[in-house]
C-alpha atoms as a PDB file:
ATOM      1  CA  MET A   1      99.572 110.150 104.343  1.00  0.00           C
ATOM      2  CA  ASN A   2      98.904 107.609 101.604  1.00  0.00           C
ATOM      3  CA  ASN A   3     101.608 104.903 101.702  1.00  0.00           C
ATOM      4  CA  THR A   4     100.241 102.882  98.789  1.00  0.00           C
ATOM      5  CA  PRO A   5     102.870 102.542  96.037  1.00  0.00           C
ATOM      6  CA  THR A   6     102.544 105.253  93.393  1.00  0.00           C
ATOM      7  CA  ASN A   7     102.330 102.658  90.638  1.00  0.00           C
ATOM      8  CA  SER A   8      99.478 100.841  92.384  1.00  0.00           C
ATOM      9  CA  PRO A   9      95.991 100.878  90.874  1.00  0.00           C
ATOM     10  CA  MET A  10      94.733 100.890  94.458  1.00  0.00           C
ATOM     11  CA  ARG A  11      96.347 104.253  95.305  1.00  0.00           C
ATOM     12  CA  ASP A  12      93.452 106.509  94.263  1.00  0.00           C
ATOM     13  CA  ASN A  13      90.925 104.474  96.223  1.00  0.00           C
ATOM     14  CA  ALA A  14      93.016 103.646  99.300  1.00  0.00           C
ATOM     15  CA  ASP A  15      91.358 106.352 101.413  1.00  0.00           C
ATOM     16  CA  ASN A  16      87.887 104.922 100.733  1.00  0.00           C
ATOM     17  CA  SER A  17      88.784 101.228 100.949  1.00  0.00           C
ATOM     18  CA  SER A  18      87.002 100.533 104.240  1.00  0.00           C
ATOM     19  CA  SER A  19      83.601 101.779 103.025  1.00  0.00           C
ATOM     20  CA  ASP A  20      83.568 100.950  99.303  1.00  0.00           C
ATOM     21  CA  PRO A  21      82.072  97.455  98.745  1.00  0.00           C
ATOM     22  CA  LEU A  22      83.774  97.098  95.360  1.00  0.00           C
ATOM     23  CA  MET A  23      87.152  98.030  96.827  1.00  0.00           C
ATOM     24  CA  LEU A  24      86.621  95.550  99.661  1.00  0.00           C
ATOM     25  CA  ALA A  25      85.835  92.840  97.098  1.00  0.00           C
ATOM     26  CA  VAL A  26      88.996  93.650  95.135  1.00  0.00           C
ATOM     27  CA  VAL A  27      91.113  93.596  98.298  1.00  0.00           C
ATOM     28  CA  GLU A  28      89.662  90.256  99.373  1.00  0.00           C
ATOM     29  CA  ALA A  29      90.200  88.814  95.883  1.00  0.00           C
ATOM     30  CA  ALA A  30      93.810  90.024  95.919  1.00  0.00           C
ATOM     31  CA  ARG A  31      94.364  88.494  99.369  1.00  0.00           C
ATOM     32  CA  GLY A  32      92.882  85.207  98.162  1.00  0.00           C
ATOM     33  CA  LEU A  33      95.068  85.157  95.057  1.00  0.00           C
ATOM     34  CA  VAL A  34      98.220  86.007  97.023  1.00  0.00           C
ATOM     35  CA  GLY A  35      97.409  83.321  99.596  1.00  0.00           C
ATOM     36  CA  LYS A  36      96.886  80.691  96.917  1.00  0.00           C
ATOM     37  CA  LEU A  37     100.117  81.655  95.118  1.00  0.00           C
ATOM     38  CA  GLU A  38     102.064  81.430  98.387  1.00  0.00           C
ATOM     39  CA  ALA A  39     100.556  77.998  99.127  1.00  0.00           C
ATOM     40  CA  ILE A  40     101.436  76.742  95.652  1.00  0.00           C
ATOM     41  CA  HIS A  41     104.994  78.073  95.902  1.00  0.00           C
ATOM     42  CA  ALA A  42     105.448  76.269  99.231  1.00  0.00           C
ATOM     43  CA  ASN A  43     104.148  72.955  97.842  1.00  0.00           C
ATOM     44  CA  GLU A  44     106.897  70.369  97.342  1.00  0.00           C
ATOM     45  CA  GLU A  45     105.231  68.855  94.257  1.00  0.00           C
ATOM     46  CA  TYR A  46     105.144  72.269  92.609  1.00  0.00           C
ATOM     47  CA  LYS A  47     108.814  72.867  93.449  1.00  0.00           C
ATOM     48  CA  SER A  48     109.798  69.475  92.024  1.00  0.00           C
ATOM     49  CA  VAL A  49     108.288  70.350  88.622  1.00  0.00           C
ATOM     50  CA  TRP A  50     110.771  73.212  88.249  1.00  0.00           C
ATOM     51  CA  THR A  51     113.680  71.092  89.488  1.00  0.00           C
ATOM     52  CA  LEU A  52     112.835  68.317  87.034  1.00  0.00           C
ATOM     53  CA  SER A  53     112.494  70.790  84.196  1.00  0.00           C
ATOM     54  CA  HIS A  54     115.879  72.291  84.992  1.00  0.00           C
ATOM     55  CA  ILE A  55     117.545  68.852  85.251  1.00  0.00           C
ATOM     56  CA  HIS A  56     116.195  67.951  81.812  1.00  0.00           C
ATOM     57  CA  GLY A  57     117.746  71.053  80.302  1.00  0.00           C
ATOM     58  CA  SER A  58     114.678  73.167  79.792  1.00  0.00           C
ATOM     59  CA  PRO A  59     114.434  75.707  82.599  1.00  0.00           C
ATOM     60  CA  TYR A  60     111.516  78.142  82.410  1.00  0.00           C
ATOM     61  CA  LYS A  61     112.433  81.366  80.634  1.00  0.00           C
ATOM     62  CA  GLY A  62     108.982  82.837  80.109  1.00  0.00           C
ATOM     63  CA  PRO A  63     107.222  85.747  81.764  1.00  0.00           C
ATOM     64  CA  THR A  64     106.925  85.998  85.538  1.00  0.00           C
ATOM     65  CA  TYR A  65     104.666  87.873  87.940  1.00  0.00           C
ATOM     66  CA  GLU A  66     107.176  88.653  90.702  1.00  0.00           C
ATOM     67  CA  LYS A  67     106.991  92.445  90.250  1.00  0.00           C
ATOM     68  CA  GLU A  68     103.185  92.456  90.187  1.00  0.00           C
ATOM     69  CA  LEU A  69     102.987  90.194  93.247  1.00  0.00           C
ATOM     70  CA  LYS A  70     105.353  92.451  95.205  1.00  0.00           C
ATOM     71  CA  THR A  71     103.310  95.513  94.173  1.00  0.00           C
ATOM     72  CA  THR A  72     100.091  93.799  95.287  1.00  0.00           C
ATOM     73  CA  LEU A  73     101.620  92.775  98.616  1.00  0.00           C
ATOM     74  CA  ALA A  74     102.872  96.335  99.197  1.00  0.00           C
ATOM     75  CA  ALA A  75      99.459  97.797  98.373  1.00  0.00           C
ATOM     76  CA  LEU A  76      97.701  95.375 100.735  1.00  0.00           C
ATOM     77  CA  ALA A  77     100.205  96.132 103.497  1.00  0.00           C
ATOM     78  CA  ALA A  78      99.659  99.866 103.009  1.00  0.00           C
ATOM     79  CA  LEU A  79      95.886  99.401 103.262  1.00  0.00           C
ATOM     80  CA  ASP A  80      96.303  97.309 106.407  1.00  0.00           C
ATOM     81  CA  ALA A  81      98.566  99.953 107.978  1.00  0.00           C
ATOM     82  CA  LYS A  82      96.140 102.751 107.082  1.00  0.00           C
ATOM     83  CA  GLN A  83      93.183 100.899 108.573  1.00  0.00           C
ATOM     84  CA  LYS A  84      95.073 100.393 111.861  1.00  0.00           C
ATOM     85  CA  LEU A  85      95.527 104.155 112.343  1.00  0.00           C
END
């Protein structure tokens, strides 16, 4: 059973992910990006930028990537689960 989210671009290739070099490169790039985003979000200097902005009356109201990050994390988790079977 393919547990990759239906809206994931990785769904069609999830069954071949362990042998397709391009898919492996995409997965590793996604893991690297997610890891870097998580490190940045945990950084106190980064957090203080948003606090300062809010204090000065100009909180960020632009686009976010929360949905896409959650979709990527779910797709990576599904690939990990499939490879453990």
